[in-house]
Amino acid sequence: MRVSSEFFSFLLLKGGRGAGFFLLLLMLLLCLPCAAGRKLRPLVWVLDAGHGGKDVGTESKKHQEKDITLEITKQVAALVRKNKPGIKLILTREKDTYVSLDRRCQIANQANADLFLSIHVNAVEKKPLLHGTESFYANTRFIRDAVLQSSHARTIDRSELLAWLLQKNYHDAGRQAGRGAKPERLYVLSHTLMPAVLTEVGFLSNIEDEAYMTSKRGQKEIATCIYKALAEYYETTQAKTHKKTLTRLRNSNGKTSGLSAPKVAQAEEPKSRTEEAKAKPASEGQKKDAPLAAGDTTEEVVKELVEEVAEKEAPSDSVLTSPQDVAGGEAVADQPALADEETPAEDVGPIQPSSTIPVFSIQIVAVSSELRSDDDRLQGLFPVTFVKSGNMYKGLYGGTTDYRQAKKTLASIREKFPDAFIVAYLGQEPITTARALELSRQGEK
């Protein structure tokens, strides 16, 4: 209701102070519902489980992206409802149904949402070594619509903040978060009118990430990471310290945000095996590539590591025999010690990438038969891959092209497995760690 100043003055002159007071009181009463509505309106968050129905997303032999994203999204929603009951949650899908990209954006825009988070899974079929998490926010350079451009110009800092908070919490939980937070040309990010982020919680094409993302423990931990990031986002935005927090995350280079994971030389970016790929896709399910710069491992660093491995790292034994290992009810005798160079060529590596890319893993046990994931001898370590070596099975944990990352992994499990050591594979062939580092150096030239 609008009342002109001339009309207000007229009433004061004609009706005296009493009429003016009555009108002022009436205006205040009329404005109260609007003010109360603004104050009492709850924050609205939209959680978007990627894919669904006929759109399965990326998939492996046993799992599909749509199922993983739905389960994690539902767990995140449960945590928000339990711990932040004042926030209104909207899920773009709550079961295995197909929802188009336009519809996902419409749901968020029509609800006048304050936040949009889309949960996805990565994959690169020809690069099984790629692993870890990454989060995206809108790349405003590619937004042509004036309304959308204006909206994202106002909210881009909040979008970037949530993306970095997600990566921070993944890292703090022990996940690989070095792929970082970055702007990207994704449809659901550029066609929503509020802070929006798309997070990739792992690679289905990587055996370790797949095992983790499809396990109950892994899904619970991922959901917890996402919830913690949302909670931090809520606290900083409510306190209006989000810009300061974002600046700290940007400038810390990982030192205070927890994002200090080493870079890994990677030949290609994951294919977005999703209709969410780039801008408005020509057809649903379209896959696209984007180049990624190689990591920063220098020749000098590799040479130093080669010398270190040759002098200190090579284990005296290539087979670890558990004293609890039993076959046919009788204890298995210790296997003869083998130097690293004498590792049998018929071993099969934990993963089978290109024969030009060395992989480092941690050997934790050697037993007469494969162990179940809940076997006490693994002391809760998961996942562990078993490869056959003669009449023994080596238990290998982890798989990375970065030797420094392998060393960190080894250090993290030393207490439980004091005799564990680093092994290297080239395709299906075991090689010495020194040789693997030499090949890595040659590959970067």
Protein backbone atom coordinates (compact mmCIF):
# COMPACT_ATOMS: atom_id res chain seq x y z
CA MET A 1 0.00 0.00 0.00
CA ARG A 2 1.43 3.37 -1.00
CA VAL A 3 0.28 6.64 0.56
CA SER A 4 1.65 9.86 -0.88
CA SER A 5 3.23 12.45 1.38
CA GLU A 6 0.69 15.02 0.03
CA PHE A 7 -2.22 12.86 1.19
CA PHE A 8 -0.62 12.40 4.60
CA SER A 9 -0.14 16.19 4.91
CA PHE A 10 -3.76 16.77 3.85
CA LEU A 11 -5.06 14.55 6.66
CA LEU A 12 -2.88 16.28 9.18
CA LEU A 13 -4.22 19.68 8.13
CA LYS A 14 -7.87 18.66 7.91
CA GLY A 15 -8.15 16.08 10.63
CA GLY A 16 -5.57 17.24 13.08
CA ARG A 17 -3.05 15.14 14.92
CA GLY A 18 -5.62 12.48 15.76
CA ALA A 19 -6.27 11.61 12.15
CA GLY A 20 -2.56 11.64 11.34
CA PHE A 21 -1.81 9.30 14.26
CA PHE A 22 -4.61 6.96 13.18
CA LEU A 23 -3.25 6.80 9.62
CA LEU A 24 0.29 6.19 10.84
CA LEU A 25 -0.91 3.34 13.05
CA LEU A 26 -2.86 1.86 10.16
CA MET A 27 0.20 1.92 7.91
CA LEU A 28 2.32 0.20 10.56
CA LEU A 29 -0.27 -2.54 10.98
CA LEU A 30 -0.42 -3.09 7.24
CA CYS A 31 3.36 -3.40 7.05
CA LEU A 32 3.70 -5.85 9.92
CA PRO A 33 2.61 -8.96 7.94
CA CYS A 34 5.19 -8.19 5.24
CA ALA A 35 7.98 -7.71 7.76
CA ALA A 36 6.96 -10.81 9.67
CA GLY A 37 6.86 -12.79 6.44
CA ARG A 38 10.39 -11.75 5.58
CA LYS A 39 11.63 -12.50 9.06
CA LEU A 40 9.88 -15.84 9.49
CA ARG A 41 10.50 -17.19 6.00
CA PRO A 42 12.79 -20.22 6.43
CA LEU A 43 15.92 -20.74 4.39
CA VAL A 44 15.26 -23.06 1.47
CA TRP A 45 17.94 -25.50 0.36
CA VAL A 46 17.57 -27.74 -2.70
CA LEU A 47 19.49 -31.04 -2.78
CA ASP A 48 19.79 -32.56 -6.22
CA ALA A 49 20.67 -36.26 -6.58
CA GLY A 50 22.27 -36.50 -10.03
CA HIS A 51 20.60 -38.58 -12.74
CA GLY A 52 17.77 -41.04 -12.09
CA GLY A 53 15.36 -43.29 -13.94
CA LYS A 54 16.38 -43.83 -17.55
CA ASP A 55 19.42 -41.61 -17.03
CA VAL A 56 21.75 -43.90 -15.07
CA GLY A 57 24.76 -41.59 -15.24
CA THR A 58 28.17 -43.22 -15.21
CA GLU A 59 28.32 -46.91 -14.37
CA SER A 60 30.65 -49.79 -13.62
CA LYS A 61 29.99 -53.50 -13.93
CA LYS A 62 28.18 -53.54 -10.60
CA HIS A 63 27.06 -50.00 -9.81
CA GLN A 64 25.30 -47.01 -11.34
CA GLU A 65 25.79 -43.37 -10.49
CA LYS A 66 22.09 -42.66 -10.03
CA ASP A 67 21.88 -45.10 -7.10
CA ILE A 68 24.98 -43.76 -5.34
CA THR A 69 23.92 -40.12 -5.63
CA LEU A 70 20.40 -40.82 -4.39
CA GLU A 71 21.56 -42.70 -1.31
CA ILE A 72 24.11 -40.04 -0.36
CA THR A 73 21.63 -37.22 -0.98
CA LYS A 74 19.01 -38.85 1.24
CA GLN A 75 21.57 -39.26 4.02
CA VAL A 76 22.61 -35.60 3.72
CA ALA A 77 18.94 -34.59 3.89
CA ALA A 78 18.46 -36.66 7.04
CA LEU A 79 21.41 -34.92 8.71
CA VAL A 80 20.16 -31.45 7.77
CA ARG A 81 16.64 -32.19 9.03
CA LYS A 82 18.02 -33.53 12.29
CA ASN A 83 20.52 -30.76 12.99
CA LYS A 84 19.04 -27.76 11.14
CA PRO A 85 15.26 -28.19 11.52
CA GLY A 86 14.63 -24.54 10.70
CA ILE A 87 15.81 -25.02 7.11
CA LYS A 88 13.28 -26.11 4.53
CA LEU A 89 14.69 -28.89 2.36
CA ILE A 90 13.57 -29.76 -1.15
CA LEU A 91 14.90 -32.82 -2.99
CA THR A 92 14.63 -32.80 -6.77
CA ARG A 93 14.05 -36.55 -6.56
CA GLU A 94 13.55 -38.96 -3.66
CA LYS A 95 13.44 -42.19 -5.64
CA ASP A 96 14.67 -43.66 -8.91
CA THR A 97 12.83 -41.28 -11.23
CA TYR A 98 13.97 -39.27 -14.21
CA VAL A 99 14.10 -35.48 -13.78
CA SER A 100 15.26 -33.28 -16.65
CA LEU A 101 17.85 -30.56 -16.18
CA ASP A 102 15.31 -27.84 -16.86
CA ARG A 103 12.97 -29.30 -14.25
CA ARG A 104 15.72 -29.44 -11.63
CA CYS A 105 16.42 -25.75 -12.18
CA GLN A 106 12.70 -24.91 -12.18
CA ILE A 107 12.22 -26.64 -8.83
CA ALA A 108 14.94 -24.50 -7.27
CA ASN A 109 13.94 -21.23 -8.95
CA GLN A 110 10.21 -21.59 -8.26
CA ALA A 111 10.92 -22.31 -4.61
CA ASN A 112 13.01 -19.13 -4.45
CA ALA A 113 15.72 -21.33 -2.92
CA ASP A 114 18.69 -19.92 -1.06
CA LEU A 115 21.05 -22.73 -2.07
CA PHE A 116 21.30 -25.47 -4.70
CA LEU A 117 23.63 -28.46 -4.33
CA SER A 118 23.90 -31.20 -6.95
CA ILE A 119 25.64 -34.47 -6.02
CA HIS A 120 27.42 -36.53 -8.69
CA VAL A 121 30.03 -39.22 -9.35
CA ASN A 122 32.97 -38.96 -11.79
CA ALA A 123 34.41 -41.51 -14.22
CA VAL A 124 37.09 -41.83 -16.88
CA GLU A 125 37.08 -45.32 -18.37
CA LYS A 126 40.58 -45.12 -19.84
CA LYS A 127 42.14 -43.51 -16.75
CA PRO A 128 41.46 -45.83 -13.80
CA LEU A 129 44.12 -44.08 -11.71
CA LEU A 130 42.17 -40.82 -11.46
CA HIS A 131 40.53 -40.58 -8.06
CA GLY A 132 39.32 -38.14 -5.46
CA THR A 133 36.80 -35.32 -5.22
CA GLU A 134 36.16 -31.98 -6.88
CA SER A 135 33.46 -29.32 -6.69
CA PHE A 136 32.22 -26.82 -9.27
CA TYR A 137 30.47 -23.46 -9.22
CA ALA A 138 29.09 -21.45 -12.15
CA ASN A 139 31.45 -19.97 -14.72
CA THR A 140 29.86 -16.58 -15.28
CA ARG A 141 31.79 -15.98 -18.50
CA PHE A 142 29.49 -18.37 -20.33
CA ILE A 143 26.17 -17.04 -18.98
CA ARG A 144 24.48 -14.92 -21.63
CA ASP A 145 21.03 -14.43 -20.06
CA ALA A 146 20.93 -11.01 -18.37
CA VAL A 147 18.83 -12.16 -15.40
CA LEU A 148 20.97 -15.22 -14.75
CA GLN A 149 24.17 -13.21 -15.20
CA SER A 150 23.00 -10.61 -12.70
CA SER A 151 21.97 -13.28 -10.19
CA HIS A 152 25.27 -15.11 -10.35
CA ALA A 153 27.25 -11.88 -10.17
CA ARG A 154 25.63 -11.32 -6.76
CA THR A 155 26.00 -14.90 -5.50
CA ILE A 156 29.23 -16.16 -7.08
CA ASP A 157 31.24 -15.68 -3.88
CA ARG A 158 28.81 -17.84 -1.90
CA SER A 159 28.86 -20.53 -4.55
CA GLU A 160 32.64 -20.60 -4.52
CA LEU A 161 32.65 -20.65 -0.71
CA LEU A 162 30.51 -23.79 -0.55
CA ALA A 163 32.64 -25.48 -3.21
CA TRP A 164 35.81 -24.89 -1.17
CA LEU A 165 34.13 -25.91 2.09
CA LEU A 166 33.13 -29.20 0.48
CA GLN A 167 36.70 -29.86 -0.63
CA LYS A 168 38.02 -28.89 2.79
CA ASN A 169 35.74 -31.34 4.56
CA TYR A 170 36.51 -34.16 2.11
CA HIS A 171 40.20 -33.65 2.81
CA ASP A 172 39.73 -33.46 6.57
CA ALA A 173 38.00 -36.85 6.39
CA GLY A 174 40.99 -38.37 4.58
CA ARG A 175 39.70 -38.10 1.01
CA GLN A 176 41.82 -36.87 -1.91
CA ALA A 177 40.67 -33.28 -2.48
CA GLY A 178 43.56 -31.95 -4.55
CA ARG A 179 41.40 -31.57 -7.66
CA GLY A 180 39.97 -28.55 -5.88
CA ALA A 181 37.08 -26.16 -6.45
CA LYS A 182 36.72 -24.47 -9.80
CA PRO A 183 34.27 -22.62 -12.07
CA GLU A 184 32.66 -24.78 -14.73
CA ARG A 185 30.12 -24.46 -17.53
CA LEU A 186 27.43 -26.81 -16.18
CA TYR A 187 23.75 -26.43 -16.97
CA VAL A 188 22.31 -26.77 -13.48
CA LEU A 189 24.77 -24.19 -12.18
CA SER A 190 24.24 -21.55 -14.84
CA HIS A 191 20.43 -21.83 -14.96
CA THR A 192 19.64 -21.48 -11.25
CA LEU A 193 19.11 -18.11 -9.57
CA MET A 194 20.86 -18.77 -6.26
CA PRO A 195 24.26 -19.93 -4.98
CA ALA A 196 24.79 -23.28 -6.68
CA VAL A 197 27.44 -26.02 -6.56
CA LEU A 198 27.90 -29.41 -8.20
CA THR A 199 30.16 -31.79 -6.28
CA GLU A 200 31.77 -34.99 -7.59
CA VAL A 201 32.28 -37.36 -4.65
CA GLY A 202 34.67 -39.80 -6.35
CA PHE A 203 35.51 -41.78 -9.48
CA LEU A 204 33.45 -44.86 -10.28
CA SER A 205 36.20 -45.82 -12.74
CA ASN A 206 38.69 -46.13 -9.85
CA ILE A 207 38.45 -49.36 -7.86
CA GLU A 208 39.23 -47.72 -4.52
CA ASP A 209 36.77 -44.88 -4.99
CA GLU A 210 34.12 -47.29 -6.23
CA ALA A 211 34.52 -49.59 -3.22
CA TYR A 212 34.37 -46.62 -0.87
CA MET A 213 31.40 -44.84 -2.49
CA THR A 214 29.31 -48.02 -2.65
CA SER A 215 30.00 -49.15 0.93
CA LYS A 216 27.70 -48.18 3.80
CA ARG A 217 30.61 -46.68 5.69
CA GLY A 218 31.80 -44.68 2.71
CA GLN A 219 28.36 -43.27 1.90
CA LYS A 220 27.85 -42.29 5.53
CA GLU A 221 31.21 -40.52 5.66
CA ILE A 222 30.62 -38.71 2.37
CA ALA A 223 27.19 -37.56 3.54
CA THR A 224 28.71 -36.35 6.80
CA CYS A 225 31.37 -34.37 4.91
CA ILE A 226 28.72 -32.70 2.77
CA TYR A 227 26.58 -31.89 5.80
CA LYS A 228 29.55 -30.37 7.66
CA ALA A 229 30.31 -28.18 4.66
CA LEU A 230 26.67 -27.04 4.54
CA ALA A 231 26.73 -26.33 8.28
CA GLU A 232 29.89 -24.22 7.93
CA TYR A 233 28.32 -22.43 4.97
CA TYR A 234 25.24 -21.69 7.07
CA GLU A 235 27.25 -20.36 10.01
CA THR A 236 29.51 -18.11 7.93
CA THR A 237 26.72 -16.68 5.79
CA GLN A 238 24.48 -16.04 8.80
CA ALA A 239 27.36 -14.31 10.57
CA LYS A 240 28.14 -12.41 7.34
CA THR A 241 31.75 -13.59 7.50
CA HIS A 242 31.52 -15.59 4.27
CA LYS A 243 33.65 -13.19 2.24
CA LYS A 244 36.42 -13.22 4.82
CA THR A 245 36.22 -17.01 5.03
CA LEU A 246 36.38 -17.35 1.26
CA THR A 247 39.42 -15.07 1.09
CA ARG A 248 41.17 -17.18 3.70
CA LEU A 249 40.37 -20.38 1.83
CA ARG A 250 41.65 -18.91 -1.43
CA ASN A 251 44.85 -17.49 -0.01
CA SER A 252 45.78 -20.32 2.32
CA ASN A 253 46.80 -22.61 -0.55
CA GLY A 254 45.59 -25.47 1.60
CA LYS A 255 47.56 -24.60 4.73
CA THR A 256 44.55 -23.60 6.80
CA SER A 257 41.79 -25.07 4.71
CA GLY A 258 43.23 -28.57 4.69
CA LEU A 259 43.69 -28.67 0.93
CA SER A 260 47.36 -29.56 0.86
CA ALA A 261 47.14 -32.76 -1.17
CA PRO A 262 49.93 -33.02 -3.78
CA LYS A 263 49.16 -32.53 -7.44
CA VAL A 264 49.32 -35.58 -9.67
CA ALA A 265 50.32 -35.48 -13.32
CA GLN A 266 47.16 -36.37 -15.25
CA ALA A 267 46.82 -36.62 -18.98
CA GLU A 268 43.13 -35.84 -19.25
CA GLU A 269 40.17 -34.47 -17.36
CA PRO A 270 37.35 -36.87 -16.49
CA LYS A 271 34.62 -37.17 -19.05
CA SER A 272 31.39 -35.82 -17.64
CA ARG A 273 29.42 -38.98 -18.33
CA THR A 274 26.26 -37.07 -17.69
CA GLU A 275 23.70 -34.81 -19.29
CA GLU A 276 24.90 -32.21 -16.78
CA ALA A 277 28.14 -32.01 -18.77
CA LYS A 278 28.59 -28.67 -20.52
CA ALA A 279 25.94 -25.94 -20.88
CA LYS A 280 22.73 -27.13 -22.58
CA PRO A 281 23.64 -30.57 -23.94
CA ALA A 282 22.81 -31.49 -27.49
CA SER A 283 21.33 -34.75 -26.23
CA GLU A 284 20.85 -36.24 -22.77
CA GLY A 285 23.73 -38.38 -21.64
CA GLN A 286 26.26 -36.64 -23.91
CA LYS A 287 29.91 -37.04 -22.80
CA LYS A 288 32.60 -34.41 -23.28
CA ASP A 289 36.27 -33.97 -22.54
CA ALA A 290 38.27 -31.04 -21.20
CA PRO A 291 42.06 -30.91 -21.00
CA LEU A 292 43.77 -30.68 -17.65
CA ALA A 293 47.25 -29.31 -17.12
CA ALA A 294 49.85 -31.75 -15.85
CA GLY A 295 50.98 -31.68 -12.24
CA ASP A 296 53.98 -29.89 -10.89
CA THR A 297 56.31 -32.84 -10.22
CA THR A 298 59.68 -31.59 -11.47
CA GLU A 299 62.56 -33.65 -12.78
CA GLU A 300 64.68 -32.59 -9.79
CA VAL A 301 62.04 -33.81 -7.32
CA VAL A 302 61.76 -37.17 -9.08
CA LYS A 303 65.53 -37.63 -9.16
CA GLU A 304 65.65 -36.94 -5.44
CA LEU A 305 62.93 -39.50 -4.80
CA VAL A 306 64.68 -42.09 -6.97
CA GLU A 307 67.85 -41.71 -4.92
CA GLU A 308 65.88 -41.89 -1.68
CA VAL A 309 64.11 -45.06 -2.77
CA ALA A 310 67.30 -46.73 -3.93
CA GLU A 311 69.03 -46.03 -0.63
CA LYS A 312 66.30 -46.25 1.99
CA GLU A 313 62.89 -47.35 0.80
CA ALA A 314 63.42 -50.75 -0.85
CA PRO A 315 62.29 -53.47 1.58
CA SER A 316 64.40 -56.50 2.28
CA ASP A 317 61.38 -58.79 1.79
CA SER A 318 58.75 -58.67 -0.91
CA VAL A 319 56.42 -61.08 0.90
CA LEU A 320 54.89 -60.50 4.32
CA THR A 321 53.52 -63.60 5.96
CA SER A 322 50.89 -63.26 8.65
CA PRO A 323 51.52 -65.55 11.66
CA GLN A 324 47.76 -66.16 11.73
CA ASP A 325 47.75 -67.47 8.17
CA VAL A 326 46.42 -71.03 8.10
CA ALA A 327 45.81 -73.45 5.22
CA GLY A 328 44.11 -76.78 5.80
CA GLY A 329 44.34 -76.31 9.56
CA GLU A 330 48.16 -76.10 9.58
CA ALA A 331 50.35 -73.05 9.88
CA VAL A 332 51.93 -71.95 6.62
CA ALA A 333 55.72 -71.72 6.74
CA ASP A 334 57.30 -68.32 6.11
CA GLN A 335 58.07 -67.72 2.45
CA PRO A 336 61.69 -67.14 1.39
CA ALA A 337 62.70 -63.51 1.32
CA LEU A 338 62.85 -61.92 -2.13
CA ALA A 339 64.61 -58.70 -3.02
CA ASP A 340 62.45 -56.05 -4.65
CA GLU A 341 64.08 -56.69 -8.03
CA GLU A 342 63.22 -60.41 -7.74
CA THR A 343 59.47 -59.93 -7.46
CA PRO A 344 57.86 -62.57 -9.72
CA ALA A 345 56.77 -61.23 -13.08
CA GLU A 346 53.53 -63.23 -13.04
CA ASP A 347 52.03 -61.07 -10.27
CA VAL A 348 48.89 -59.15 -11.21
CA GLY A 349 48.72 -55.53 -10.08
CA PRO A 350 45.89 -54.11 -7.98
CA ILE A 351 44.73 -52.12 -10.98
CA GLN A 352 45.54 -52.55 -14.64
CA PRO A 353 46.16 -49.16 -16.28
CA SER A 354 48.18 -48.40 -19.37
CA SER A 355 51.54 -50.19 -19.38
CA THR A 356 53.25 -46.78 -19.52
CA ILE A 357 51.90 -45.49 -16.19
CA PRO A 358 53.56 -46.85 -13.02
CA VAL A 359 51.34 -47.35 -9.98
CA PHE A 360 52.45 -47.34 -6.33
CA SER A 361 50.60 -49.41 -3.72
CA ILE A 362 51.21 -50.49 -0.12
CA GLN A 363 51.68 -54.20 0.59
CA ILE A 364 50.35 -54.90 4.08
CA VAL A 365 50.10 -58.73 4.26
CA ALA A 366 50.78 -61.93 2.34
CA VAL A 367 48.48 -64.88 3.05
CA SER A 368 47.62 -68.26 1.58
CA SER A 369 44.13 -67.19 0.48
CA GLU A 370 42.23 -63.94 -0.01
CA LEU A 371 40.79 -62.39 3.13
CA ARG A 372 37.28 -61.07 3.62
CA SER A 373 37.01 -57.31 4.07
CA ASP A 374 35.96 -57.81 7.71
CA ASP A 375 38.88 -60.11 8.56
CA ASP A 376 40.62 -59.02 11.78
CA ARG A 377 44.02 -59.27 10.11
CA LEU A 378 43.15 -56.25 7.97
CA GLN A 379 42.46 -54.23 11.14
CA GLY A 380 39.62 -52.31 9.52
CA LEU A 381 41.63 -51.15 6.52
CA PHE A 382 39.43 -50.90 3.41
CA PRO A 383 39.56 -51.56 0.52
CA VAL A 384 42.41 -54.08 0.24
CA THR A 385 43.09 -55.80 -3.10
CA PHE A 386 44.66 -59.28 -3.18
CA VAL A 387 46.94 -60.35 -6.03
CA LYS A 388 48.41 -63.83 -6.42
CA SER A 389 52.15 -64.40 -6.09
CA GLY A 390 53.10 -68.08 -6.37
CA ASN A 391 50.98 -69.87 -3.76
CA MET A 392 50.46 -66.66 -1.76
CA TYR A 393 48.16 -63.66 -2.02
CA LYS A 394 49.57 -60.20 -1.45
CA GLY A 395 47.24 -57.72 0.21
CA LEU A 396 47.68 -54.30 -1.44
CA TYR A 397 46.23 -51.06 -0.16
CA GLY A 398 45.99 -47.89 -2.24
CA GLY A 399 47.00 -47.14 -5.80
CA THR A 400 48.46 -43.85 -7.02
CA THR A 401 50.84 -42.49 -9.63
CA ASP A 402 52.30 -40.08 -7.06
CA TYR A 403 55.08 -41.66 -4.97
CA ARG A 404 54.83 -38.90 -2.38
CA GLN A 405 51.16 -39.72 -1.87
CA ALA A 406 52.05 -43.39 -1.47
CA LYS A 407 54.56 -42.43 1.24
CA LYS A 408 51.87 -40.50 3.08
CA THR A 409 49.55 -43.47 2.88
CA LEU A 410 52.29 -45.75 4.20
CA ALA A 411 52.97 -43.39 7.10
CA SER A 412 49.28 -43.28 7.98
CA ILE A 413 49.07 -47.08 8.44
CA ARG A 414 52.53 -47.72 9.95
CA GLU A 415 51.12 -48.11 13.44
CA LYS A 416 48.79 -50.92 12.38
CA PHE A 417 51.16 -52.47 9.82
CA PRO A 418 54.77 -51.74 10.88
CA ASP A 419 56.17 -54.11 8.22
CA ALA A 420 54.19 -52.67 5.32
CA PHE A 421 56.12 -51.24 2.37
CA ILE A 422 55.64 -49.60 -1.01
CA VAL A 423 55.45 -51.73 -4.16
CA ALA A 424 55.11 -50.64 -7.78
CA TYR A 425 53.37 -52.05 -10.85
CA LEU A 426 53.55 -51.24 -14.53
CA GLY A 427 50.35 -52.58 -16.01
CA GLN A 428 50.22 -56.15 -14.68
CA GLU A 429 53.96 -56.39 -14.09
CA PRO A 430 55.56 -55.66 -10.69
CA ILE A 431 58.62 -53.41 -10.92
CA THR A 432 60.95 -51.77 -8.42
CA THR A 433 59.89 -48.45 -6.93
CA ALA A 434 63.10 -46.87 -8.20
CA ARG A 435 62.29 -48.04 -11.73
CA ALA A 436 58.71 -46.71 -11.38
CA LEU A 437 59.98 -43.28 -10.37
CA GLU A 438 62.40 -43.27 -13.29
CA LEU A 439 59.54 -44.05 -15.68
CA SER A 440 57.43 -41.31 -14.10
CA ARG A 441 60.23 -38.81 -14.73
CA GLN A 442 60.57 -39.92 -18.35
CA GLY A 443 56.83 -39.62 -18.87
CA GLU A 444 56.86 -35.98 -17.76
CA LYS A 445 59.52 -34.90 -20.25
